[in-house]
């Protein structure tokens, strides 16, 4: 059994996995040593772990994992992955790489891929039908857009809870902000997908991240939603490095 740890910008996701699938998932604001110890004790069959962080590396946590498990992989620019990578690995977030590996592992062979991860930032990653990760783009996520409008203006309020998912025109400032940010993001995602499918009509698109389900319901283009794509990809990377 494998222990998968993904420390993101806002939460830490943890999974227990077999070679092929995730069997149990947890979410923490931050994975403390106590939390990690309890997970390790609750799953004595664990034999390996993989650790990914877009923030600072938690050295005490890595030390605990190394003490308790025979094999621990920390994802960095040297970690082997099952596809060719043209992006600069020194500057590539491990969560982005894991999402790419996860989608590549799930998708039918010889299909062009687009992976969209929507959270604090929204990322667009391209993988060719021959298994080459060409690179990707980074754009502000939905709530990052709303925070920027509040921060860089004098009177626009900060919207912390987006309950209005209409794409129409707002009749209040709150509606104008929420609908404007959301409509812009939806058009952006649909635009990327249409651009790819104009060249490769059979291209497969995977959508993940905290806003994935809401975005999928508003898109005109068809996509697959995989909420745990990064965790799944990390598990594939761990298996590849055994």
Foldseek 3Di string as FASTA:
>chain_A
DEWEWEAEPQKIKIFDDDLADTDDIDIGRDCDPVNVVVVCVVCVVHAEYEYFYPDDDDVVNVVVCVVRHVYYHYDALPQDADAAEPDDRNPDGLLVVLLLQLCVVPDDAQAWEWEWAADQKIKIWTAGSVGYTPGIDIGGHLLNQQVVVVVPDDDQDRDPDQPDLDLDDDPDSVRNSSNVSNNVVQCVVLVVVVVVCVVVVRHAYEYEYDCRVSSCVPHPDDYHYDHCSSRSSSSNSRVVVD
